[in-house]
Amino acid sequence: FARRYPGARIIHFVDECLELCVEEGLAGTEKCHAILARDFNALAEAGCDRLGLLCSLVKPGIETVRPLVPVPIVCYDDVQAERAVASVPDGGKIAVIAMNTASLAPSQKAVYEAAARAGKSVEAVTICVEDGRKCLAETGSTDLADAYFERYLRAHQEEYHAFVIPQIPLSRIMPKIRDLRTPVFDSIEPFLDHLVNLP
């Protein structure tokens, strides 16, 4: 991405306090929102002129955080959902697919919200590729697990108008599946493209 966007500087920021909020069931609460606002404002003060959220688990209530921060905040699953919806016909079918279940429901919700904004009717189905999930749990090999995931995409691509992959590490498989006939929207590429090209 540094090569693709030579004028952009990408800063990664992780706050483990947010992970604790999720573990303690506090996502979407005032406490979680206060942490997000603090983090985003610190990044804005450091010179970042657009901000992105790469965790759908702490996304609930993000609209209450946006007015507290002086620069735009973009959620990754909103971007991939909007691009997927734009790529399918009215009445199209979108698969929200990953090797774990945590991000499936929030991203399915993002697809339906994007469809409503676009005035389209779509069906969004959630899929956990169990063979890949079990392989990763049993062997720890991302290469083997990715092969199961890729095989699933190839075997089922004719059943859907688009794939949405909300599991961020799975962006690593994109170079291997660019030949799929069904468009695939991963977590990172649409997100960074949108952030870089914000007016």
N, C-alpha and C. Protein backbone atom coordinates (compact mmCIF):
# COMPACT_ATOMS: atom_id res chain seq x y z
N PHE A 1 0.83 -1.21 0.00
CA PHE A 1 0.00 0.00 0.00
C PHE A 1 0.86 1.25 0.00
N ALA A 2 2.04 1.19 0.61
CA ALA A 2 2.95 2.33 0.56
C ALA A 2 3.36 2.60 -0.88
N ARG A 3 3.54 1.54 -1.68
CA ARG A 3 3.89 1.73 -3.09
C ARG A 3 2.70 2.27 -3.88
N ARG A 4 1.50 1.79 -3.54
CA ARG A 4 0.31 2.21 -4.28
C ARG A 4 -0.05 3.67 -3.97
N TYR A 5 0.14 4.07 -2.72
CA TYR A 5 -0.21 5.43 -2.31
C TYR A 5 1.04 6.11 -1.77
N PRO A 6 1.96 6.50 -2.66
CA PRO A 6 3.25 7.02 -2.19
C PRO A 6 3.15 8.31 -1.39
N GLY A 7 2.06 9.06 -1.55
CA GLY A 7 1.94 10.30 -0.80
C GLY A 7 1.26 10.14 0.55
N ALA A 8 0.82 8.93 0.87
CA ALA A 8 0.07 8.72 2.12
C ALA A 8 0.95 8.06 3.17
N ARG A 9 0.81 8.51 4.39
CA ARG A 9 1.49 7.87 5.51
C ARG A 9 0.43 7.15 6.33
N ILE A 10 0.60 5.85 6.50
CA ILE A 10 -0.38 5.03 7.21
C ILE A 10 0.14 4.72 8.61
N ILE A 11 -0.63 5.12 9.61
CA ILE A 11 -0.25 4.90 11.01
C ILE A 11 -1.16 3.82 11.59
N HIS A 12 -0.56 2.81 12.19
CA HIS A 12 -1.34 1.75 12.86
C HIS A 12 -1.34 2.04 14.36
N PHE A 13 -2.52 1.92 14.97
CA PHE A 13 -2.63 2.21 16.40
C PHE A 13 -3.51 1.14 17.04
N VAL A 14 -3.01 0.52 18.09
CA VAL A 14 -3.75 -0.53 18.80
C VAL A 14 -3.89 -0.12 20.26
N ASP A 15 -5.10 -0.20 20.77
CA ASP A 15 -5.35 0.09 22.18
C ASP A 15 -5.95 -1.15 22.83
N GLU A 16 -5.18 -1.80 23.68
CA GLU A 16 -5.65 -3.03 24.31
C GLU A 16 -6.80 -2.79 25.27
N CYS A 17 -7.00 -1.54 25.68
CA CYS A 17 -8.15 -1.22 26.53
C CYS A 17 -9.45 -1.55 25.81
N LEU A 18 -9.47 -1.38 24.48
CA LEU A 18 -10.67 -1.69 23.72
C LEU A 18 -10.94 -3.19 23.71
N GLU A 19 -9.87 -3.97 23.63
CA GLU A 19 -10.03 -5.42 23.70
C GLU A 19 -10.63 -5.82 25.05
N LEU A 20 -10.19 -5.16 26.12
CA LEU A 20 -10.76 -5.43 27.43
C LEU A 20 -12.24 -5.06 27.47
N CYS A 21 -12.60 -3.96 26.82
CA CYS A 21 -14.02 -3.58 26.77
C CYS A 21 -14.86 -4.67 26.12
N VAL A 22 -14.35 -5.24 25.03
CA VAL A 22 -15.07 -6.32 24.35
C VAL A 22 -15.19 -7.52 25.27
N GLU A 23 -14.07 -7.90 25.89
CA GLU A 23 -14.07 -9.07 26.78
C GLU A 23 -15.02 -8.89 27.96
N GLU A 24 -15.15 -7.66 28.43
CA GLU A 24 -16.00 -7.39 29.60
C GLU A 24 -17.44 -7.03 29.21
N GLY A 25 -17.76 -7.11 27.93
CA GLY A 25 -19.11 -6.81 27.46
C GLY A 25 -19.44 -5.34 27.49
N LEU A 26 -18.42 -4.48 27.36
CA LEU A 26 -18.63 -3.04 27.45
C LEU A 26 -18.59 -2.33 26.10
N ALA A 27 -18.49 -3.10 25.01
CA ALA A 27 -18.52 -2.47 23.69
C ALA A 27 -19.85 -1.76 23.50
N GLY A 28 -19.79 -0.56 22.92
CA GLY A 28 -21.01 0.21 22.72
C GLY A 28 -21.44 1.02 23.91
N THR A 29 -20.67 0.99 25.00
CA THR A 29 -21.03 1.74 26.21
C THR A 29 -20.29 3.09 26.23
N GLU A 30 -20.68 3.94 27.17
CA GLU A 30 -20.02 5.24 27.31
C GLU A 30 -18.53 5.08 27.57
N LYS A 31 -18.16 4.06 28.35
CA LYS A 31 -16.75 3.82 28.64
C LYS A 31 -15.97 3.54 27.36
N CYS A 32 -16.52 2.67 26.54
CA CYS A 32 -15.87 2.33 25.27
C CYS A 32 -15.80 3.54 24.35
N HIS A 33 -16.88 4.31 24.29
CA HIS A 33 -16.90 5.50 23.45
C HIS A 33 -15.87 6.53 23.91
N ALA A 34 -15.70 6.66 25.23
CA ALA A 34 -14.72 7.61 25.76
C ALA A 34 -13.30 7.21 25.36
N ILE A 35 -13.03 5.90 25.38
CA ILE A 35 -11.70 5.42 24.97
C ILE A 35 -11.48 5.68 23.49
N LEU A 36 -12.48 5.38 22.67
CA LEU A 36 -12.37 5.62 21.23
C LEU A 36 -12.13 7.10 20.94
N ALA A 37 -12.91 7.96 21.59
CA ALA A 37 -12.76 9.40 21.37
C ALA A 37 -11.37 9.87 21.78
N ARG A 38 -10.88 9.37 22.90
CA ARG A 38 -9.53 9.73 23.37
C ARG A 38 -8.48 9.31 22.34
N ASP A 39 -8.59 8.07 21.87
CA ASP A 39 -7.62 7.55 20.91
C ASP A 39 -7.67 8.33 19.59
N PHE A 40 -8.87 8.54 19.07
CA PHE A 40 -9.01 9.24 17.80
C PHE A 40 -8.50 10.69 17.91
N ASN A 41 -8.81 11.34 19.01
CA ASN A 41 -8.34 12.72 19.19
C ASN A 41 -6.83 12.79 19.32
N ALA A 42 -6.23 11.79 19.96
CA ALA A 42 -4.77 11.76 20.06
C ALA A 42 -4.15 11.63 18.67
N LEU A 43 -4.76 10.79 17.82
CA LEU A 43 -4.25 10.62 16.46
C LEU A 43 -4.44 11.90 15.64
N ALA A 44 -5.59 12.55 15.83
CA ALA A 44 -5.82 13.81 15.11
C ALA A 44 -4.83 14.87 15.55
N GLU A 45 -4.55 14.93 16.85
CA GLU A 45 -3.59 15.91 17.36
C GLU A 45 -2.18 15.62 16.85
N ALA A 46 -1.90 14.35 16.56
CA ALA A 46 -0.59 13.97 16.04
C ALA A 46 -0.46 14.26 14.55
N GLY A 47 -1.57 14.68 13.92
CA GLY A 47 -1.49 15.08 12.52
C GLY A 47 -2.26 14.22 11.54
N CYS A 48 -2.92 13.18 12.00
CA CYS A 48 -3.72 12.35 11.10
C CYS A 48 -4.95 13.14 10.64
N ASP A 49 -5.21 13.18 9.33
CA ASP A 49 -6.34 13.97 8.85
C ASP A 49 -7.53 13.13 8.41
N ARG A 50 -7.43 11.82 8.57
CA ARG A 50 -8.58 10.92 8.41
C ARG A 50 -8.29 9.66 9.23
N LEU A 51 -9.32 9.11 9.81
CA LEU A 51 -9.15 8.01 10.77
C LEU A 51 -10.03 6.84 10.38
N GLY A 52 -9.55 5.63 10.67
CA GLY A 52 -10.32 4.44 10.35
C GLY A 52 -10.43 3.51 11.53
N LEU A 53 -11.56 2.84 11.61
CA LEU A 53 -11.79 1.85 12.67
C LEU A 53 -11.78 0.46 12.04
N LEU A 54 -10.87 -0.39 12.53
CA LEU A 54 -10.73 -1.74 11.98
C LEU A 54 -11.22 -2.80 12.96
N CYS A 55 -12.28 -2.49 13.70
CA CYS A 55 -12.84 -3.48 14.62
C CYS A 55 -14.35 -3.28 14.69
N SER A 56 -15.08 -4.21 14.11
CA SER A 56 -16.53 -4.09 14.12
C SER A 56 -17.12 -4.35 15.51
N LEU A 57 -16.33 -4.97 16.39
CA LEU A 57 -16.84 -5.30 17.73
C LEU A 57 -16.98 -4.06 18.61
N VAL A 58 -16.20 -3.00 18.32
CA VAL A 58 -16.33 -1.76 19.10
C VAL A 58 -17.01 -0.66 18.28
N LYS A 59 -17.57 -1.04 17.14
CA LYS A 59 -18.24 -0.07 16.27
C LYS A 59 -19.59 0.41 16.81
N PRO A 60 -20.37 -0.40 17.54
CA PRO A 60 -21.70 0.07 17.96
C PRO A 60 -21.63 1.42 18.68
N GLY A 61 -22.43 2.35 18.22
CA GLY A 61 -22.46 3.67 18.82
C GLY A 61 -21.40 4.61 18.30
N ILE A 62 -20.68 4.23 17.24
CA ILE A 62 -19.60 5.09 16.72
C ILE A 62 -20.14 6.46 16.31
N GLU A 63 -21.44 6.54 15.98
CA GLU A 63 -22.01 7.84 15.59
C GLU A 63 -22.00 8.82 16.76
N THR A 64 -21.93 8.33 17.99
CA THR A 64 -21.84 9.24 19.13
C THR A 64 -20.41 9.74 19.34
N VAL A 65 -19.43 9.03 18.77
CA VAL A 65 -18.02 9.42 18.90
C VAL A 65 -17.65 10.44 17.83
N ARG A 66 -18.20 10.31 16.64
CA ARG A 66 -17.80 11.17 15.52
C ARG A 66 -17.88 12.67 15.83
N PRO A 67 -18.94 13.15 16.48
CA PRO A 67 -18.99 14.60 16.75
C PRO A 67 -17.92 15.09 17.73
N LEU A 68 -17.27 14.15 18.43
CA LEU A 68 -16.26 14.52 19.42
C LEU A 68 -14.86 14.60 18.82
N VAL A 69 -14.75 14.26 17.53
CA VAL A 69 -13.44 14.16 16.88
C VAL A 69 -13.44 15.09 15.66
N PRO A 70 -12.38 15.89 15.46
CA PRO A 70 -12.41 16.92 14.42
C PRO A 70 -12.14 16.44 12.99
N VAL A 71 -11.84 15.14 12.80
CA VAL A 71 -11.56 14.63 11.45
C VAL A 71 -12.45 13.42 11.18
N PRO A 72 -12.63 13.06 9.91
CA PRO A 72 -13.54 11.96 9.58
C PRO A 72 -13.10 10.62 10.17
N ILE A 73 -14.08 9.83 10.60
CA ILE A 73 -13.86 8.46 11.08
C ILE A 73 -14.61 7.52 10.14
N VAL A 74 -13.89 6.57 9.57
CA VAL A 74 -14.46 5.61 8.63
C VAL A 74 -14.35 4.21 9.22
N CYS A 75 -15.42 3.44 9.14
CA CYS A 75 -15.42 2.05 9.62
C CYS A 75 -15.20 1.12 8.43
N TYR A 76 -14.26 0.19 8.58
CA TYR A 76 -13.86 -0.65 7.45
C TYR A 76 -15.02 -1.44 6.87
N ASP A 77 -15.91 -1.96 7.74
CA ASP A 77 -16.97 -2.82 7.20
C ASP A 77 -18.04 -2.01 6.48
N ASP A 78 -18.17 -0.72 6.80
CA ASP A 78 -19.09 0.12 6.03
C ASP A 78 -18.60 0.28 4.60
N VAL A 79 -17.27 0.47 4.44
CA VAL A 79 -16.71 0.67 3.11
C VAL A 79 -16.87 -0.59 2.26
N GLN A 80 -16.48 -1.74 2.81
CA GLN A 80 -16.57 -2.95 2.00
C GLN A 80 -18.02 -3.30 1.70
N ALA A 81 -18.93 -3.01 2.64
CA ALA A 81 -20.35 -3.27 2.41
C ALA A 81 -20.88 -2.38 1.29
N GLU A 82 -20.53 -1.09 1.32
CA GLU A 82 -21.00 -0.17 0.29
C GLU A 82 -20.49 -0.58 -1.10
N ARG A 83 -19.24 -0.99 -1.16
CA ARG A 83 -18.68 -1.39 -2.46
C ARG A 83 -19.30 -2.69 -2.95
N ALA A 84 -19.55 -3.62 -2.03
CA ALA A 84 -20.19 -4.87 -2.43
C ALA A 84 -21.60 -4.62 -2.94
N VAL A 85 -22.36 -3.81 -2.21
CA VAL A 85 -23.73 -3.50 -2.62
C VAL A 85 -23.75 -2.81 -3.98
N ALA A 86 -22.81 -1.90 -4.20
CA ALA A 86 -22.75 -1.20 -5.49
C ALA A 86 -22.45 -2.14 -6.64
N SER A 87 -21.80 -3.27 -6.35
CA SER A 87 -21.38 -4.18 -7.42
C SER A 87 -22.44 -5.19 -7.81
N VAL A 88 -23.52 -5.30 -7.01
CA VAL A 88 -24.51 -6.35 -7.27
C VAL A 88 -25.80 -5.74 -7.80
N PRO A 89 -26.58 -6.54 -8.54
CA PRO A 89 -27.87 -6.04 -9.02
C PRO A 89 -28.89 -5.97 -7.89
N ASP A 90 -29.94 -5.23 -8.10
CA ASP A 90 -31.04 -5.22 -7.13
C ASP A 90 -31.53 -6.64 -6.96
N GLY A 91 -31.71 -7.07 -5.72
CA GLY A 91 -32.09 -8.45 -5.45
C GLY A 91 -30.91 -9.39 -5.39
N GLY A 92 -29.68 -8.86 -5.45
CA GLY A 92 -28.49 -9.69 -5.47
C GLY A 92 -28.23 -10.38 -4.13
N LYS A 93 -27.33 -11.36 -4.18
CA LYS A 93 -27.01 -12.17 -3.01
C LYS A 93 -25.53 -11.98 -2.67
N ILE A 94 -25.26 -11.58 -1.43
CA ILE A 94 -23.90 -11.31 -0.96
C ILE A 94 -23.56 -12.27 0.16
N ALA A 95 -22.40 -12.92 0.05
CA ALA A 95 -21.93 -13.81 1.12
C ALA A 95 -20.95 -13.06 2.00
N VAL A 96 -21.25 -12.97 3.28
CA VAL A 96 -20.33 -12.42 4.27
C VAL A 96 -19.62 -13.63 4.87
N ILE A 97 -18.33 -13.76 4.60
CA ILE A 97 -17.66 -15.05 4.82
C ILE A 97 -16.33 -14.87 5.54
N ALA A 98 -16.05 -15.76 6.49
CA ALA A 98 -14.81 -15.68 7.27
C ALA A 98 -14.49 -17.07 7.82
N MET A 99 -13.41 -17.14 8.60
CA MET A 99 -13.05 -18.38 9.28
C MET A 99 -13.29 -18.28 10.78
N ASN A 100 -13.95 -17.21 11.21
CA ASN A 100 -14.45 -17.15 12.58
C ASN A 100 -15.80 -16.44 12.53
N THR A 101 -16.51 -16.46 13.61
CA THR A 101 -17.87 -15.94 13.60
C THR A 101 -17.99 -14.52 14.14
N ALA A 102 -16.96 -14.00 14.79
CA ALA A 102 -17.08 -12.74 15.53
C ALA A 102 -17.54 -11.58 14.66
N SER A 103 -17.00 -11.46 13.45
CA SER A 103 -17.30 -10.28 12.63
C SER A 103 -18.44 -10.50 11.65
N LEU A 104 -19.01 -11.70 11.62
CA LEU A 104 -20.02 -11.99 10.60
C LEU A 104 -21.30 -11.17 10.78
N ALA A 105 -21.88 -11.20 11.97
CA ALA A 105 -23.15 -10.49 12.19
C ALA A 105 -23.00 -8.98 12.03
N PRO A 106 -21.95 -8.34 12.61
CA PRO A 106 -21.81 -6.89 12.39
C PRO A 106 -21.65 -6.53 10.91
N SER A 107 -20.93 -7.36 10.17
CA SER A 107 -20.72 -7.05 8.75
C SER A 107 -21.97 -7.33 7.92
N GLN A 108 -22.73 -8.33 8.31
CA GLN A 108 -24.02 -8.56 7.65
C GLN A 108 -24.93 -7.35 7.86
N LYS A 109 -24.93 -6.82 9.08
CA LYS A 109 -25.72 -5.62 9.39
C LYS A 109 -25.25 -4.44 8.53
N ALA A 110 -23.93 -4.31 8.37
CA ALA A 110 -23.38 -3.22 7.55
C ALA A 110 -23.83 -3.35 6.09
N VAL A 111 -23.92 -4.59 5.59
CA VAL A 111 -24.39 -4.81 4.21
C VAL A 111 -25.84 -4.37 4.08
N TYR A 112 -26.69 -4.77 5.02
CA TYR A 112 -28.10 -4.37 4.94
C TYR A 112 -28.26 -2.86 5.06
N GLU A 113 -27.45 -2.23 5.91
CA GLU A 113 -27.53 -0.77 6.05
C GLU A 113 -27.07 -0.09 4.76
N ALA A 114 -26.01 -0.61 4.13
CA ALA A 114 -25.53 -0.04 2.87
C ALA A 114 -26.57 -0.22 1.78
N ALA A 115 -27.24 -1.36 1.77
CA ALA A 115 -28.28 -1.60 0.76
C ALA A 115 -29.44 -0.63 0.95
N ALA A 116 -29.80 -0.36 2.20
CA ALA A 116 -30.89 0.58 2.47
C ALA A 116 -30.52 1.99 1.98
N ARG A 117 -29.27 2.39 2.22
CA ARG A 117 -28.82 3.71 1.76
C ARG A 117 -28.82 3.79 0.24
N ALA A 118 -28.51 2.66 -0.41
CA ALA A 118 -28.45 2.63 -1.87
C ALA A 118 -29.82 2.39 -2.51
N GLY A 119 -30.83 2.12 -1.69
CA GLY A 119 -32.16 1.84 -2.23
C GLY A 119 -32.23 0.52 -2.95
N LYS A 120 -31.42 -0.45 -2.50
CA LYS A 120 -31.39 -1.77 -3.13
C LYS A 120 -31.91 -2.83 -2.16
N SER A 121 -32.47 -3.87 -2.74
CA SER A 121 -32.83 -5.05 -1.96
C SER A 121 -31.77 -6.10 -2.20
N VAL A 122 -31.11 -6.57 -1.14
CA VAL A 122 -30.11 -7.62 -1.27
C VAL A 122 -30.35 -8.67 -0.19
N GLU A 123 -29.82 -9.86 -0.43
CA GLU A 123 -29.79 -10.90 0.58
C GLU A 123 -28.34 -11.07 1.02
N ALA A 124 -28.08 -10.95 2.31
CA ALA A 124 -26.73 -11.12 2.85
C ALA A 124 -26.71 -12.35 3.74
N VAL A 125 -25.96 -13.36 3.35
CA VAL A 125 -25.87 -14.59 4.14
C VAL A 125 -24.50 -14.65 4.81
N THR A 126 -24.45 -15.18 6.02
CA THR A 126 -23.18 -15.31 6.73
C THR A 126 -22.69 -16.75 6.65
N ILE A 127 -21.39 -16.90 6.43
CA ILE A 127 -20.79 -18.22 6.28
C ILE A 127 -19.48 -18.26 7.06
N CYS A 128 -19.34 -19.26 7.91
CA CYS A 128 -18.06 -19.55 8.55
C CYS A 128 -17.51 -20.81 7.87
N VAL A 129 -16.34 -20.69 7.26
CA VAL A 129 -15.74 -21.85 6.58
C VAL A 129 -15.13 -22.74 7.66
N GLU A 130 -15.92 -23.73 8.09
CA GLU A 130 -15.54 -24.55 9.23
C GLU A 130 -14.27 -25.35 8.99
N ASP A 131 -14.07 -25.84 7.77
CA ASP A 131 -12.85 -26.62 7.50
C ASP A 131 -11.61 -25.76 7.74
N GLY A 132 -11.66 -24.51 7.29
CA GLY A 132 -10.54 -23.62 7.51
C GLY A 132 -10.36 -23.29 8.98
N ARG A 133 -11.46 -23.03 9.67
CA ARG A 133 -11.40 -22.70 11.10
C ARG A 133 -10.79 -23.84 11.89
N LYS A 134 -11.27 -25.07 11.62
CA LYS A 134 -10.76 -26.24 12.35
C LYS A 134 -9.30 -26.50 12.02
N CYS A 135 -8.93 -26.34 10.75
CA CYS A 135 -7.54 -26.55 10.35
C CYS A 135 -6.62 -25.58 11.08
N LEU A 136 -7.02 -24.31 11.15
CA LEU A 136 -6.20 -23.32 11.82
C LEU A 136 -6.07 -23.63 13.31
N ALA A 137 -7.19 -24.05 13.92
CA ALA A 137 -7.16 -24.39 15.35
C ALA A 137 -6.29 -25.61 15.63
N GLU A 138 -6.32 -26.58 14.73
CA GLU A 138 -5.61 -27.83 14.97
C GLU A 138 -4.14 -27.79 14.56
N THR A 139 -3.82 -27.04 13.50
CA THR A 139 -2.45 -27.06 12.98
C THR A 139 -1.70 -25.75 13.18
N GLY A 140 -2.45 -24.64 13.33
CA GLY A 140 -1.82 -23.34 13.42
C GLY A 140 -1.27 -22.84 12.10
N SER A 141 -1.52 -23.58 11.02
CA SER A 141 -0.99 -23.21 9.72
C SER A 141 -1.96 -22.32 8.96
N THR A 142 -1.59 -21.04 8.78
CA THR A 142 -2.45 -20.16 8.00
C THR A 142 -2.46 -20.59 6.53
N ASP A 143 -1.37 -21.13 6.03
CA ASP A 143 -1.32 -21.56 4.63
C ASP A 143 -2.35 -22.66 4.35
N LEU A 144 -2.39 -23.66 5.23
CA LEU A 144 -3.35 -24.75 5.04
C LEU A 144 -4.78 -24.25 5.20
N ALA A 145 -5.01 -23.44 6.24
CA ALA A 145 -6.36 -22.91 6.46
C ALA A 145 -6.81 -22.04 5.30
N ASP A 146 -5.90 -21.21 4.79
CA ASP A 146 -6.23 -20.36 3.65
C ASP A 146 -6.60 -21.18 2.43
N ALA A 147 -5.94 -22.32 2.26
CA ALA A 147 -6.24 -23.19 1.11
C ALA A 147 -7.68 -23.70 1.19
N TYR A 148 -8.14 -24.05 2.39
CA TYR A 148 -9.54 -24.45 2.57
C TYR A 148 -10.48 -23.29 2.23
N PHE A 149 -10.11 -22.12 2.69
CA PHE A 149 -10.95 -20.94 2.46
C PHE A 149 -11.03 -20.62 0.97
N GLU A 150 -9.88 -20.62 0.31
CA GLU A 150 -9.85 -20.35 -1.13
C GLU A 150 -10.67 -21.39 -1.89
N ARG A 151 -10.53 -22.66 -1.49
CA ARG A 151 -11.28 -23.73 -2.16
C ARG A 151 -12.78 -23.49 -2.03
N TYR A 152 -13.21 -23.04 -0.85
CA TYR A 152 -14.63 -22.77 -0.66
C TYR A 152 -15.10 -21.65 -1.59
N LEU A 153 -14.34 -20.57 -1.66
CA LEU A 153 -14.71 -19.46 -2.53
C LEU A 153 -14.85 -19.92 -3.97
N ARG A 154 -13.88 -20.69 -4.43
CA ARG A 154 -13.90 -21.14 -5.82
C ARG A 154 -15.06 -22.08 -6.09
N ALA A 155 -15.37 -22.94 -5.13
CA ALA A 155 -16.43 -23.93 -5.32
C ALA A 155 -17.82 -23.30 -5.31
N HIS A 156 -17.96 -22.16 -4.62
CA HIS A 156 -19.30 -21.58 -4.42
C HIS A 156 -19.49 -20.21 -5.07
N GLN A 157 -18.53 -19.79 -5.88
CA GLN A 157 -18.60 -18.43 -6.41
C GLN A 157 -19.82 -18.19 -7.29
N GLU A 158 -20.32 -19.20 -7.95
CA GLU A 158 -21.48 -18.99 -8.83
C GLU A 158 -22.78 -18.78 -8.05
N GLU A 159 -22.75 -19.05 -6.74
CA GLU A 159 -23.97 -18.94 -5.93
C GLU A 159 -24.22 -17.52 -5.43
N TYR A 160 -23.23 -16.62 -5.58
CA TYR A 160 -23.33 -15.29 -5.00
C TYR A 160 -22.92 -14.23 -6.03
N HIS A 161 -23.40 -13.03 -5.83
CA HIS A 161 -23.01 -11.91 -6.69
C HIS A 161 -21.76 -11.21 -6.17
N ALA A 162 -21.45 -11.40 -4.87
CA ALA A 162 -20.24 -10.80 -4.29
C ALA A 162 -19.91 -11.51 -2.98
N PHE A 163 -18.63 -11.51 -2.65
CA PHE A 163 -18.15 -11.98 -1.35
C PHE A 163 -17.64 -10.78 -0.55
N VAL A 164 -17.97 -10.75 0.74
CA VAL A 164 -17.42 -9.78 1.67
C VAL A 164 -16.66 -10.57 2.73
N ILE A 165 -15.38 -10.24 2.91
CA ILE A 165 -14.54 -10.94 3.89
C ILE A 165 -14.20 -9.98 5.02
N PRO A 166 -14.93 -10.01 6.14
CA PRO A 166 -14.68 -9.05 7.22
C PRO A 166 -13.56 -9.44 8.16
N GLN A 167 -12.96 -10.60 7.97
CA GLN A 167 -11.87 -11.05 8.84
C GLN A 167 -10.57 -10.43 8.34
N ILE A 168 -10.05 -9.46 9.05
CA ILE A 168 -8.97 -8.63 8.54
C ILE A 168 -7.74 -9.43 8.09
N PRO A 169 -7.24 -10.41 8.86
CA PRO A 169 -6.05 -11.14 8.38
C PRO A 169 -6.24 -11.86 7.05
N LEU A 170 -7.48 -12.15 6.69
CA LEU A 170 -7.71 -12.86 5.43
C LEU A 170 -7.47 -11.99 4.20
N SER A 171 -7.18 -10.72 4.41
CA SER A 171 -6.77 -9.89 3.27
C SER A 171 -5.53 -10.46 2.61
N ARG A 172 -4.78 -11.28 3.35
CA ARG A 172 -3.55 -11.86 2.80
C ARG A 172 -3.81 -12.78 1.60
N ILE A 173 -5.04 -13.28 1.46
CA ILE A 173 -5.30 -14.22 0.36
C ILE A 173 -5.67 -13.51 -0.94
N MET A 174 -5.88 -12.20 -0.89
CA MET A 174 -6.38 -11.50 -2.08
C MET A 174 -5.52 -11.72 -3.33
N PRO A 175 -4.20 -11.72 -3.25
CA PRO A 175 -3.42 -11.94 -4.48
C PRO A 175 -3.71 -13.29 -5.14
N LYS A 176 -4.17 -14.26 -4.36
CA LYS A 176 -4.42 -15.60 -4.91
C LYS A 176 -5.78 -15.74 -5.58
N ILE A 177 -6.70 -14.79 -5.31
CA ILE A 177 -8.08 -15.00 -5.77
C ILE A 177 -8.57 -13.90 -6.70
N ARG A 178 -7.65 -13.13 -7.25
CA ARG A 178 -8.07 -12.03 -8.13
C ARG A 178 -8.69 -12.53 -9.42
N ASP A 179 -8.53 -13.81 -9.72
CA ASP A 179 -9.11 -14.35 -10.95
C ASP A 179 -10.55 -14.83 -10.76
N LEU A 180 -11.09 -14.77 -9.55
CA LEU A 180 -12.47 -15.21 -9.33
C LEU A 180 -13.43 -14.36 -10.16
N ARG A 181 -14.46 -15.02 -10.69
CA ARG A 181 -15.47 -14.28 -11.46
C ARG A 181 -16.35 -13.44 -10.55
N THR A 182 -16.57 -13.91 -9.34
CA THR A 182 -17.38 -13.17 -8.37
C THR A 182 -16.49 -12.14 -7.65
N PRO A 183 -16.88 -10.87 -7.59
CA PRO A 183 -16.03 -9.88 -6.92
C PRO A 183 -15.90 -10.16 -5.42
N VAL A 184 -14.72 -9.92 -4.91
CA VAL A 184 -14.40 -10.16 -3.50
C VAL A 184 -13.96 -8.84 -2.88
N PHE A 185 -14.56 -8.50 -1.74
CA PHE A 185 -14.23 -7.26 -1.04
C PHE A 185 -13.66 -7.63 0.33
N ASP A 186 -12.35 -7.41 0.46
CA ASP A 186 -11.69 -7.74 1.72
C ASP A 186 -11.76 -6.54 2.66
N SER A 187 -11.16 -6.68 3.83
CA SER A 187 -11.26 -5.63 4.86
C SER A 187 -10.34 -4.45 4.61
N ILE A 188 -9.19 -4.69 3.99
CA ILE A 188 -8.14 -3.67 3.96
C ILE A 188 -8.13 -2.84 2.69
N GLU A 189 -8.16 -3.49 1.54
CA GLU A 189 -7.97 -2.74 0.29
C GLU A 189 -9.04 -1.68 0.05
N PRO A 190 -10.35 -2.02 0.11
CA PRO A 190 -11.36 -0.96 -0.08
C PRO A 190 -11.26 0.14 0.98
N PHE A 191 -10.96 -0.27 2.20
CA PHE A 191 -10.88 0.64 3.33
C PHE A 191 -9.78 1.69 3.13
N LEU A 192 -8.56 1.22 2.83
CA LEU A 192 -7.46 2.16 2.63
C LEU A 192 -7.68 3.02 1.40
N ASP A 193 -8.21 2.43 0.35
CA ASP A 193 -8.49 3.20 -0.86
C ASP A 193 -9.47 4.35 -0.54
N HIS A 194 -10.49 4.02 0.25
CA HIS A 194 -11.48 5.04 0.62
C HIS A 194 -10.83 6.13 1.49
N LEU A 195 -10.05 5.73 2.47
CA LEU A 195 -9.40 6.71 3.35
C LEU A 195 -8.47 7.63 2.58
N VAL A 196 -7.65 7.05 1.72
CA VAL A 196 -6.69 7.85 0.97
C VAL A 196 -7.39 8.83 0.05
N ASN A 197 -8.52 8.43 -0.51
CA ASN A 197 -9.19 9.27 -1.51
C ASN A 197 -10.32 10.12 -0.95
N LEU A 198 -10.46 10.16 0.37
CA LEU A 198 -11.45 11.08 0.95
C LEU A 198 -11.11 12.51 0.55
N PRO A 199 -12.13 13.32 0.19
CA PRO A 199 -11.83 14.71 -0.16
C PRO A 199 -11.31 15.50 1.05
